[in-house]
Protein backbone atom coordinates (compact mmCIF):
# COMPACT_ATOMS: atom_id res chain seq x y z
CA MET A 1 5.81 16.05 0.06
CA SER A 2 9.11 17.39 -1.05
CA LEU A 3 12.98 17.55 -0.70
CA GLN A 4 14.63 20.97 0.40
CA GLY A 5 18.42 20.28 1.10
CA ARG A 6 17.20 16.45 1.22
CA ARG A 7 15.14 17.15 4.35
CA VAL A 8 11.64 16.28 3.60
CA VAL A 9 8.96 18.72 4.15
CA TYR A 10 5.50 19.12 4.49
CA ARG A 11 3.84 22.40 3.10
CA LYS A 12 1.72 24.14 0.69
CA ILE A 13 2.25 23.51 -3.23
CA GLU A 14 0.79 24.70 -6.46
CA ARG A 15 -0.35 21.75 -8.43
CA PRO A 16 0.17 22.20 -12.64
CA ALA A 17 -2.51 22.65 -13.93
CA TYR A 18 -4.44 19.26 -15.47
CA LYS A 19 -7.53 17.88 -16.97
CA MET A 20 -8.70 14.67 -18.94
CA ILE A 21 -7.98 15.21 -22.47
CA ASP A 22 -9.84 13.69 -25.43
CA GLU A 23 -7.42 13.28 -28.38
CA MET A 24 -6.25 9.80 -28.39
CA PRO A 25 -3.54 8.94 -30.43
CA GLU A 26 -3.97 5.55 -32.83
CA ILE A 27 -1.36 3.02 -33.42
CA PRO A 28 -1.03 2.99 -37.16
CA SER A 29 -1.11 -0.73 -39.31
CA CYS A 30 2.56 0.19 -39.99
CA VAL A 31 3.51 -0.01 -36.26
CA TYR A 32 1.60 -4.18 -36.56
CA ALA A 33 3.72 -5.10 -39.40
CA GLU A 34 7.23 -4.41 -37.05
CA ARG A 35 6.02 -6.06 -34.28
CA LEU A 36 4.77 -9.42 -36.43
CA LYS A 37 8.26 -9.11 -37.88
CA ARG A 38 10.18 -9.18 -34.99
CA LEU A 39 8.13 -12.15 -33.47
CA GLN A 40 8.87 -13.91 -36.64
CA GLU A 41 12.22 -12.91 -35.78
CA LYS A 42 12.12 -14.56 -32.63
CA LEU A 43 10.12 -17.53 -34.12
CA GLN A 44 13.31 -18.25 -36.04
CA GLU A 45 15.92 -18.23 -32.96
CA LYS A 46 13.82 -19.86 -31.19
CA GLU A 47 13.51 -22.52 -33.81
CA LEU A 48 9.62 -23.05 -33.36
CA ASP A 49 7.27 -23.45 -36.69
CA GLU A 50 4.47 -21.03 -35.30
CA ALA A 51 3.84 -19.13 -31.94
CA ILE A 52 0.40 -19.75 -30.78
CA ILE A 53 -0.90 -17.10 -28.65
CA TYR A 54 -4.07 -17.75 -26.02
CA ALA A 55 -6.41 -14.84 -25.00
CA ASP A 56 -8.93 -14.48 -22.87
CA ARG A 57 -10.92 -11.28 -21.61
CA GLU A 58 -8.25 -11.04 -18.38
CA HIS A 59 -5.38 -11.80 -20.60
CA MET A 60 -5.95 -10.41 -24.48
CA GLN A 61 -2.68 -8.14 -23.92
CA ASN A 62 -0.38 -10.63 -26.27
CA LEU A 63 -3.22 -11.25 -28.80
CA ASP A 64 -3.74 -7.47 -29.25
CA TYR A 65 -0.22 -6.32 -29.45
CA ILE A 66 0.17 -8.25 -32.77
CA PHE A 67 -3.52 -8.42 -34.15
CA GLY A 68 -5.08 -5.11 -32.62
CA ILE A 69 -8.26 -6.25 -31.69
CA ASP A 70 -9.67 -6.70 -28.04
CA ILE A 71 -11.61 -10.35 -27.67
CA TRP A 72 -13.89 -8.80 -24.89
CA PHE A 73 -15.72 -11.57 -23.36
CA GLU A 74 -14.71 -15.31 -24.97
CA GLU A 75 -11.93 -16.91 -25.53
CA ALA A 76 -9.63 -16.76 -28.55
CA LEU A 77 -6.26 -18.01 -30.18
CA GLY A 78 -4.00 -15.85 -32.67
CA ILE A 79 -1.47 -18.26 -34.45
CA VAL A 80 1.69 -16.58 -35.92
CA PHE A 81 3.90 -18.81 -38.55
CA ALA A 82 7.51 -18.39 -38.99
CA ASP A 83 6.49 -17.60 -42.45
CA GLY A 84 4.46 -14.63 -41.27
CA ASP A 85 0.95 -16.23 -42.19
CA CYS A 86 -1.66 -15.48 -39.56
CA CYS A 87 -4.76 -17.28 -38.83
CA LEU A 88 -7.16 -15.97 -35.60
CA ILE A 89 -9.33 -18.63 -34.03
CA LEU A 90 -12.57 -17.29 -32.66
CA GLY A 91 -15.82 -17.73 -31.17
CA ASN A 92 -19.46 -16.57 -32.07
CA GLU A 93 -18.93 -13.51 -30.92
CA CYS A 94 -15.47 -12.44 -31.66
CA MET A 95 -15.71 -13.39 -35.26
CA PRO A 96 -16.96 -9.99 -36.83
CA LEU A 97 -13.78 -8.72 -34.60
CA ALA A 98 -11.53 -10.23 -37.40
CA ILE A 99 -11.92 -7.75 -40.26
CA TYR A 100 -9.97 -5.38 -38.08
CA SER A 101 -7.23 -6.92 -37.51
CA LYS A 102 -3.97 -5.16 -37.94
CA VAL A 103 -2.25 -7.19 -39.99
CA PRO A 104 -3.49 -9.53 -41.88
CA THR A 105 -4.82 -12.80 -40.84
CA ARG A 106 -7.77 -15.46 -42.18
CA SER A 107 -9.94 -16.23 -39.49
CA LEU A 108 -11.30 -19.59 -37.92
CA HIS A 109 -15.01 -19.96 -36.16
CA CYS A 110 -14.38 -22.06 -32.96
CA PRO A 111 -17.60 -22.16 -31.23
CA VAL A 112 -16.41 -23.31 -28.16
CA LEU A 113 -14.38 -20.37 -27.69
CA SER A 114 -17.95 -18.56 -26.67
CA LEU A 115 -19.56 -18.41 -23.79
CA PRO A 116 -21.13 -21.09 -21.97
CA GLY A 117 -24.42 -22.35 -23.62
CA GLN A 118 -24.27 -20.90 -27.31
CA PRO A 119 -25.04 -22.89 -29.93
CA GLN A 120 -21.68 -24.90 -30.82
CA GLU A 121 -22.73 -25.95 -34.47
CA GLY A 122 -19.39 -25.69 -35.72
CA MET A 123 -15.31 -26.79 -35.86
CA GLY A 124 -13.72 -28.08 -32.79
CA VAL A 125 -10.82 -26.58 -31.65
CA LYS A 126 -8.59 -30.03 -33.08
CA GLU A 127 -10.31 -29.20 -36.48
CA CYS A 128 -9.27 -25.11 -36.66
CA LEU A 129 -6.16 -26.19 -35.81
CA GLU A 130 -5.30 -28.32 -38.45
CA LYS A 131 -7.50 -25.99 -41.03
CA ALA A 132 -5.22 -22.93 -39.99
CA GLY A 133 -2.24 -25.38 -40.77
CA VAL A 134 -1.04 -26.37 -37.29
CA GLY A 135 0.67 -30.06 -38.43
CA GLU A 136 2.20 -33.40 -36.92
CA LYS A 137 5.59 -32.79 -35.63
CA HIS A 138 5.54 -28.79 -36.05
CA ARG A 139 6.99 -27.24 -32.92
CA VAL A 140 4.46 -24.71 -30.90
CA GLY A 141 5.64 -21.95 -28.99
CA CYS A 142 2.87 -21.39 -26.43
CA ILE A 143 2.18 -17.75 -25.84
CA GLY A 144 0.36 -16.90 -22.61
CA TRP A 145 0.34 -14.97 -19.46
CA LYS A 146 3.03 -17.25 -17.39
CA GLN A 147 6.46 -18.14 -17.38
CA PHE A 148 7.68 -21.09 -15.35
CA GLY A 149 11.32 -22.64 -14.83
CA ASP A 150 11.12 -25.20 -16.91
CA VAL A 151 9.42 -24.18 -20.68
CA ARG A 152 7.67 -27.60 -20.95
CA GLU A 153 4.95 -26.01 -18.61
CA LEU A 154 1.99 -24.41 -20.13
CA ASP A 155 -0.39 -22.41 -19.03
CA PHE A 156 -2.89 -23.11 -21.88
CA PRO A 157 -6.17 -24.44 -20.38
CA GLY A 158 -6.14 -28.22 -21.24
CA PHE A 159 -8.96 -28.51 -23.19
CA ILE A 160 -6.58 -26.36 -26.03
CA ILE A 161 -3.41 -28.62 -25.16
CA ASP A 162 -5.18 -31.44 -25.64
CA ALA A 163 -6.21 -30.41 -28.75
CA LEU A 164 -2.35 -29.23 -29.87
CA THR A 165 -0.67 -32.88 -28.31
CA GLU A 166 -3.29 -34.92 -30.85
CA VAL A 167 -2.63 -32.43 -33.80
CA THR A 168 1.18 -32.20 -33.43
CA GLY A 169 1.67 -35.94 -32.10
CA ASP A 170 3.20 -35.18 -28.95
CA ARG A 171 3.45 -33.33 -25.65
CA LYS A 172 6.91 -32.56 -26.26
CA TYR A 173 6.24 -30.44 -29.70
CA LEU A 174 4.65 -27.81 -27.44
CA LYS A 175 7.25 -25.29 -25.82
CA ASN A 176 5.89 -22.12 -23.43
CA ALA A 177 6.69 -18.93 -25.21
CA THR A 178 5.42 -16.38 -23.14
CA GLY A 179 8.90 -15.14 -22.23
CA VAL A 180 9.19 -13.92 -26.23
CA MET A 181 6.09 -11.06 -25.20
CA THR A 182 6.48 -10.41 -21.87
CA ASP A 183 10.49 -11.62 -19.86
CA PRO A 184 11.76 -8.52 -18.19
CA ARG A 185 14.65 -8.56 -19.82
CA ASN A 186 13.84 -9.06 -24.06
CA GLY A 187 9.93 -9.98 -24.24
CA LEU A 188 8.77 -7.81 -26.98
CA ARG A 189 6.44 -5.85 -25.00
CA ASN A 190 8.64 -4.24 -22.49
CA PHE A 191 9.60 -1.88 -25.23
CA VAL A 192 7.03 0.49 -26.68
CA GLU A 193 7.48 2.49 -29.81
CA PRO A 194 6.74 6.47 -30.00
CA GLU A 195 2.71 5.33 -31.12
CA GLN A 196 2.37 3.11 -28.38
CA ALA A 197 3.71 5.86 -25.62
CA ALA A 198 1.34 7.93 -26.78
CA VAL A 199 -1.13 5.86 -26.58
CA TYR A 200 -0.25 5.48 -22.94
CA GLU A 201 1.00 8.61 -21.93
CA PHE A 202 -3.18 9.98 -23.12
CA ALA A 203 -4.23 6.89 -20.29
CA ALA A 204 -1.57 8.08 -17.41
CA THR A 205 -2.98 11.61 -18.01
CA ASN A 206 -7.03 11.40 -17.95
CA VAL A 207 -5.53 8.74 -15.17
CA SER A 208 -3.98 11.28 -12.86
CA ALA A 209 -6.47 13.80 -13.98
CA GLY A 210 -9.10 11.66 -12.69
CA MET A 211 -7.23 10.61 -9.74
CA LEU A 212 -6.65 14.48 -8.81
CA ASP A 213 -10.30 15.06 -8.77
CA ALA A 214 -11.28 12.45 -6.63
CA LEU A 215 -8.65 13.49 -3.65
CA ASP A 216 -10.02 17.15 -3.83
CA ALA A 217 -13.78 15.78 -3.61
CA LEU A 218 -12.76 13.88 -0.50
CA ASP A 219 -14.37 14.68 2.49
CA GLU A 220 -16.22 13.73 5.56
CA ASN A 221 -18.76 12.10 4.69
CA ALA A 222 -18.87 11.34 1.49
CA THR A 223 -19.63 8.14 0.29
CA GLU A 224 -16.69 5.78 -1.24
CA PHE A 225 -19.63 6.29 -4.52
CA ASP A 226 -19.37 9.65 -4.15
CA ILE A 227 -15.52 9.55 -4.66
CA ALA A 228 -15.35 6.62 -7.65
CA LYS A 229 -17.84 8.87 -9.88
CA TYR A 230 -14.64 11.56 -10.15
CA MET A 231 -12.36 7.89 -11.40
CA ASN A 232 -14.44 8.10 -15.17
CA PRO A 233 -13.05 6.33 -17.90
CA ARG A 234 -15.48 7.63 -19.88
CA GLY A 235 -16.02 4.24 -21.19
CA LEU A 236 -12.57 2.97 -21.88
CA PRO A 237 -11.49 -0.61 -20.32
CA LEU A 238 -9.92 -0.36 -17.29
CA SER A 239 -6.37 -2.59 -16.54
CA CYS A 240 -7.74 -2.85 -13.21
CA HIS A 241 -11.19 -2.38 -11.25
CA THR A 242 -11.42 0.96 -9.13
CA ASN A 243 -10.91 1.01 -5.84
CA VAL A 244 -11.71 3.46 -2.87
CA SER A 245 -11.56 2.04 0.03
CA SER A 246 -11.66 3.58 3.85
CA GLY A 247 -11.46 2.25 7.35
CA ILE A 248 -11.03 -1.04 7.68
CA ARG A 249 -12.08 -2.02 4.76
CA THR A 250 -8.27 -0.19 3.59
CA ARG A 251 -6.41 -3.38 4.74
CA THR A 252 -8.87 -6.15 1.93
CA GLY A 253 -6.70 -4.84 -0.63
CA LEU A 254 -8.12 -3.64 -3.88
CA VAL A 255 -11.74 -3.36 -2.86
CA SER A 256 -13.78 -2.32 -5.03
CA PRO A 257 -16.18 1.11 -3.20
CA SER A 258 -19.04 0.91 -1.70
CA GLY A 259 -21.49 2.96 0.06
CA LYS A 260 -19.58 3.26 3.48
CA ARG A 261 -19.24 7.02 4.52
CA ILE A 262 -15.23 8.28 5.17
CA GLN A 263 -15.03 9.56 8.68
CA LYS A 264 -12.30 11.59 9.98
CA GLY A 265 -9.26 9.42 10.79
CA ASP A 266 -10.34 6.80 8.70
CA PRO A 267 -7.02 5.36 6.55
CA VAL A 268 -8.15 5.75 2.57
CA THR A 269 -6.86 4.18 -0.36
CA LEU A 270 -7.76 5.58 -3.80
CA CYS A 271 -6.51 3.61 -6.83
CA TRP A 272 -7.43 3.47 -10.56
CA ALA A 273 -6.17 2.52 -13.63
CA MET A 274 -6.83 2.48 -17.67
CA ARG A 275 -4.50 0.36 -20.19
CA GLY A 276 -1.37 1.37 -19.95
CA ALA A 277 -1.73 3.62 -16.64
CA LEU A 278 -2.72 3.35 -12.94
CA SER A 279 -2.32 5.43 -10.27
CA CYS A 280 -2.58 5.05 -6.25
CA ARG A 281 -2.98 6.82 -3.26
CA SER A 282 -3.03 6.07 0.46
CA GLY A 283 -3.29 8.26 3.28
CA TYR A 284 -5.72 9.92 6.30
CA ALA A 285 -8.86 11.39 5.82
CA VAL A 286 -7.64 14.14 8.14
CA HIS A 287 -6.53 17.73 8.48
CA ASN A 288 -3.81 17.24 10.47
CA ALA A 289 -2.01 15.03 13.21
CA GLU A 290 -4.46 16.00 15.93
CA GLU A 291 -7.26 14.06 13.80
CA LEU A 292 -5.29 11.13 13.37
CA PRO A 293 -6.28 8.18 15.78
CA ASP A 294 -3.95 8.06 18.73
CA PRO A 295 -1.81 5.15 18.36
CA SER A 296 -0.99 6.61 14.77
CA ARG A 297 -0.54 10.40 16.05
CA ASP A 298 3.34 10.14 15.00
CA TYR A 299 2.91 8.37 10.92
CA MET A 300 4.35 11.93 9.15
CA ASP A 301 7.22 10.97 10.53
CA LYS A 302 7.43 7.40 11.32
CA ILE A 303 5.66 6.48 7.88
CA ALA A 304 4.99 9.10 5.30
CA LYS A 305 8.41 11.23 5.37
CA PRO A 306 10.61 7.71 5.29
CA TYR A 307 8.15 6.60 2.08
CA PHE A 308 8.62 9.65 0.79
CA ARG A 309 12.37 9.84 0.49
CA ALA A 310 12.91 6.27 -0.51
CA ALA A 311 10.14 7.14 -3.75
CA ALA A 312 12.17 9.93 -4.34
CA ALA A 313 15.33 7.91 -4.27
CA TRP A 314 13.54 5.60 -6.53
CA TYR A 315 12.90 8.31 -9.24
CA GLU A 316 15.93 9.55 -9.01
CA ARG A 317 17.84 6.63 -9.76
CA ILE A 318 16.42 4.68 -12.17
CA GLY A 319 17.79 5.44 -15.99
CA ILE A 320 19.55 3.20 -18.36
CA GLY A 321 22.05 1.04 -17.57
CA VAL A 322 20.76 0.79 -13.89
CA CYS A 323 20.14 -3.06 -12.92
CA GLY A 324 16.63 -3.96 -11.49
CA GLY A 325 18.75 -5.28 -8.71
CA GLU A 326 20.87 -2.22 -8.17
CA MET A 327 16.90 -0.58 -7.77
CA TYR A 328 15.84 -3.51 -5.32
CA GLY A 329 18.80 -2.92 -3.24
CA LEU A 330 18.53 0.99 -2.76
CA ILE A 331 15.16 0.62 -1.35
CA GLN A 332 15.78 -1.77 1.09
CA SER A 333 18.86 0.53 1.81
CA VAL A 334 16.87 3.26 2.72
CA PHE A 335 13.34 1.85 3.23
CA PRO A 336 13.87 -2.13 4.63
CA LYS A 337 11.30 -4.34 4.44
CA GLU A 338 11.77 -6.05 7.53
CA GLN A 339 10.84 -2.64 8.98
CA TYR A 340 8.37 -1.19 7.03
CA GLY A 341 6.79 -4.71 5.88
CA TRP A 342 6.83 -4.12 1.68
CA TYR A 343 6.75 -7.21 0.31
CA LEU A 344 6.13 -7.12 -3.16
CA ASN A 345 8.79 -5.75 -5.93
CA PRO A 346 9.18 -2.06 -5.37
CA GLY A 347 8.61 -1.56 -9.10
CA HIS A 348 7.27 -3.36 -12.12
CA ASN A 349 7.28 -3.32 -15.86
CA LEU A 350 4.00 -1.71 -17.28
CA GLY A 351 2.13 -2.17 -20.43
CA THR A 352 -1.13 -2.67 -21.58
CA GLU A 353 -1.88 -4.84 -18.27
CA GLU A 354 -0.59 -2.92 -14.69
CA TRP A 355 2.04 -5.36 -14.19
CA LEU A 356 3.49 -6.90 -17.47
CA ASN A 357 6.66 -8.41 -15.28
CA SER A 358 9.62 -6.94 -12.75
CA SER A 359 13.04 -6.10 -13.82
CA ILE A 360 13.41 -4.97 -10.29
CA PHE A 361 14.25 -7.43 -7.87
CA GLU A 362 17.16 -8.88 -5.54
CA HIS A 363 20.38 -9.50 -7.06
CA SER A 364 18.62 -9.52 -10.55
CA ASP A 365 21.12 -8.18 -13.80
CA ILE A 366 18.40 -6.86 -15.79
CA LYS A 367 19.21 -3.17 -17.28
CA PHE A 368 16.91 -1.20 -18.02
CA ARG A 369 16.74 0.42 -21.38
CA SER A 370 15.20 2.72 -23.69
CA GLY A 371 11.57 2.17 -24.31
CA GLN A 372 10.30 0.87 -20.80
CA MET A 373 7.59 1.57 -19.10
CA VAL A 374 8.47 1.16 -15.37
CA GLN A 375 5.96 2.17 -11.89
CA LEU A 376 6.78 3.28 -8.85
CA ASP A 377 5.14 0.37 -7.05
CA ILE A 378 6.47 0.74 -3.09
CA ILE A 379 3.76 -0.50 -0.74
CA PRO A 380 4.45 -0.52 2.74
CA GLU A 381 2.25 -2.79 5.18
CA ALA A 382 -0.32 -1.05 7.00
CA ARG A 383 0.29 -2.49 10.49
CA ASN A 384 0.99 -1.33 14.33
CA GLY A 385 -2.10 1.03 14.03
CA TYR A 386 -0.30 2.67 11.07
CA ALA A 387 -2.41 2.85 7.37
CA SER A 388 -0.13 2.25 4.70
CA SER A 389 1.17 5.42 1.87
CA ASN A 390 1.25 4.90 -1.63
CA ILE A 391 2.29 7.09 -4.66
CA GLU A 392 2.32 5.00 -7.64
CA ASP A 393 2.39 6.08 -10.43
CA GLY A 394 5.07 5.17 -13.72
CA ILE A 395 7.60 6.67 -16.08
CA LEU A 396 8.97 5.80 -19.40
CA ILE A 397 12.29 5.51 -20.21
CA ALA A 398 13.39 7.06 -23.29
CA ASP A 399 16.86 7.76 -24.91
CA ASP A 400 17.95 10.80 -27.27
CA LYS A 401 16.70 8.81 -30.51
CA LEU A 402 13.35 8.09 -28.51
CA ARG A 403 12.72 11.67 -26.86
CA GLY A 404 13.14 13.16 -30.49
CA GLN A 405 10.46 11.19 -32.14
CA LEU A 406 8.12 11.95 -29.38
CA SER A 407 8.66 15.67 -29.37
CA LYS A 408 8.53 16.03 -32.82
CA LYS A 409 5.42 13.70 -33.44
CA TYR A 410 3.34 14.72 -30.30
CA PRO A 411 4.18 18.07 -29.51
CA GLU A 412 1.48 18.66 -26.78
CA MET A 413 2.41 15.50 -25.42
CA TRP A 414 5.94 16.70 -24.91
CA LYS A 415 5.03 19.64 -23.44
CA ARG A 416 2.64 18.05 -21.09
CA ILE A 417 5.65 15.62 -19.89
CA GLN A 418 8.10 19.02 -20.30
CA ARG A 419 5.75 20.86 -17.23
CA ARG A 420 5.65 17.48 -15.18
CA LYS A 421 9.26 17.16 -15.10
CA ASN A 422 9.94 21.05 -14.39
CA PHE A 423 7.03 20.65 -11.45
CA MET A 424 8.69 17.35 -9.80
CA ARG A 425 11.62 19.61 -10.01
CA GLU A 426 11.18 23.03 -8.49
CA VAL A 427 8.67 22.48 -6.30
CA LEU A 428 8.69 18.66 -4.91
CA GLY A 429 12.74 18.94 -5.94
CA ILE A 430 12.98 15.67 -7.28
CA TYR A 431 15.35 15.51 -10.31
CA LEU A 432 14.61 13.01 -12.93
CA LYS A 433 17.74 11.69 -15.39
CA GLU A 434 16.98 13.60 -19.25
CA GLU A 435 15.97 9.42 -20.08
CA ILE A 436 12.96 9.15 -17.37
CA LEU A 437 9.70 11.31 -18.71
CA PRO A 438 6.84 11.33 -15.96
CA LEU A 439 3.90 10.43 -17.66
CA TYR A 440 1.36 11.61 -14.94
CA ASP A 441 0.41 15.14 -13.89
CA THR A 442 -0.03 13.24 -9.74
CA GLN A 443 3.75 12.48 -10.14
CA GLY A 444 5.62 12.14 -6.81
CA ILE A 445 2.53 14.03 -4.93
CA LEU A 446 2.14 13.19 -1.40
CA ASN A 447 -0.44 14.22 0.65
CA PRO A 448 -0.73 12.37 4.12
CA TYR A 449 -3.60 14.42 5.78
CA MET A 450 -5.72 14.13 2.28
CA LEU A 451 -8.14 16.78 4.01
CA ASN A 452 -5.66 19.03 3.85
CA ARG A 453 -5.89 20.52 -0.10
CA GLY A 454 -3.17 22.30 -1.40
CA TYR A 455 -0.53 20.61 0.39
CA ALA A 456 2.13 17.72 -0.48
């Protein structure tokens, strides 16, 4: 799809060159030192004695943000005291990771955080907390995954809450401080440094390259497994499981690939993600409207073109100072949820995880600022005989200062960004604001007839 004089046109396009890249940027220790300092300032602002970060395999992002380690399949606690002292409490197989912490830290072995059935000789959670320095009447900020309306509501496992209550003397000393990290207005992880932005762009470049290869491989009688092999993280962690689904399987959301063969006329969804980047595409395995199922022959005009118009409006409106409520209202006005059945926020904040939080909701007064990663995420419901449509990718918002840092420190990345921006403008007719940086080579490309290669 492209915009020509604000009219949505389906035509043959020339995609820009793309490829997976191998040079993964590293985040230096000095960045972690600054993060630790900012967290200390938050603790002082909220009058807390320490923050305790809970992590498990699915929710390791806050721990990684401060300590720079990934705990894999165990649970862990990371403690940051108001004076900057740090302590990691780790299970059996994660103890060796402590030496890789990007900030100075002590480490304590707590076998109950290990896998079930493993040796349990050693200290329990209570003993570890006490040895780390958590004490009676300490005001503890509990950083987990979810924010609730009441700071007294915690999302830590019960056995850890029990231990903290015993050590501090009363549960009233425990506060939910997850927002310090993830609140969409001012959470620390909502704003990336140049070094983190480069890591996320590395992920986005590879994710979009894999997506384009998968789209090119899509064919009748190929199995979903055949297509999924192009979405290859090369051993790096995913932020959600890979989804290739076709036919009736597209109606069950994020499902893993199967041995099902893709048939002409099938709706198809492709989605995969590495940490910091996700790309998704939906459409039909057809060459033209005549190959669509009878009830959906007008899919292009009924769903795909209105969807692309909404996505283009999203890309062109977002920017520094724009409120989340304005973005919500924009999509509601051009692509009303009552008609198209979208339910989730039409965009959200990105981090190491695919969905960090969202500033985009009805009446939101949260303004977008430089350093934020934001995902276009408008998902119409598949209903009334029509498949869904999707061109989900993310952008980085960057002011003059951040753009200058990126262009100087990462010139090859900067060239890729400028090439994408030119493609969106010159080929797709989407005009991004100066501060909006496209990170994906799939950005804006929508081909509803997915077997009709070279068209959008």
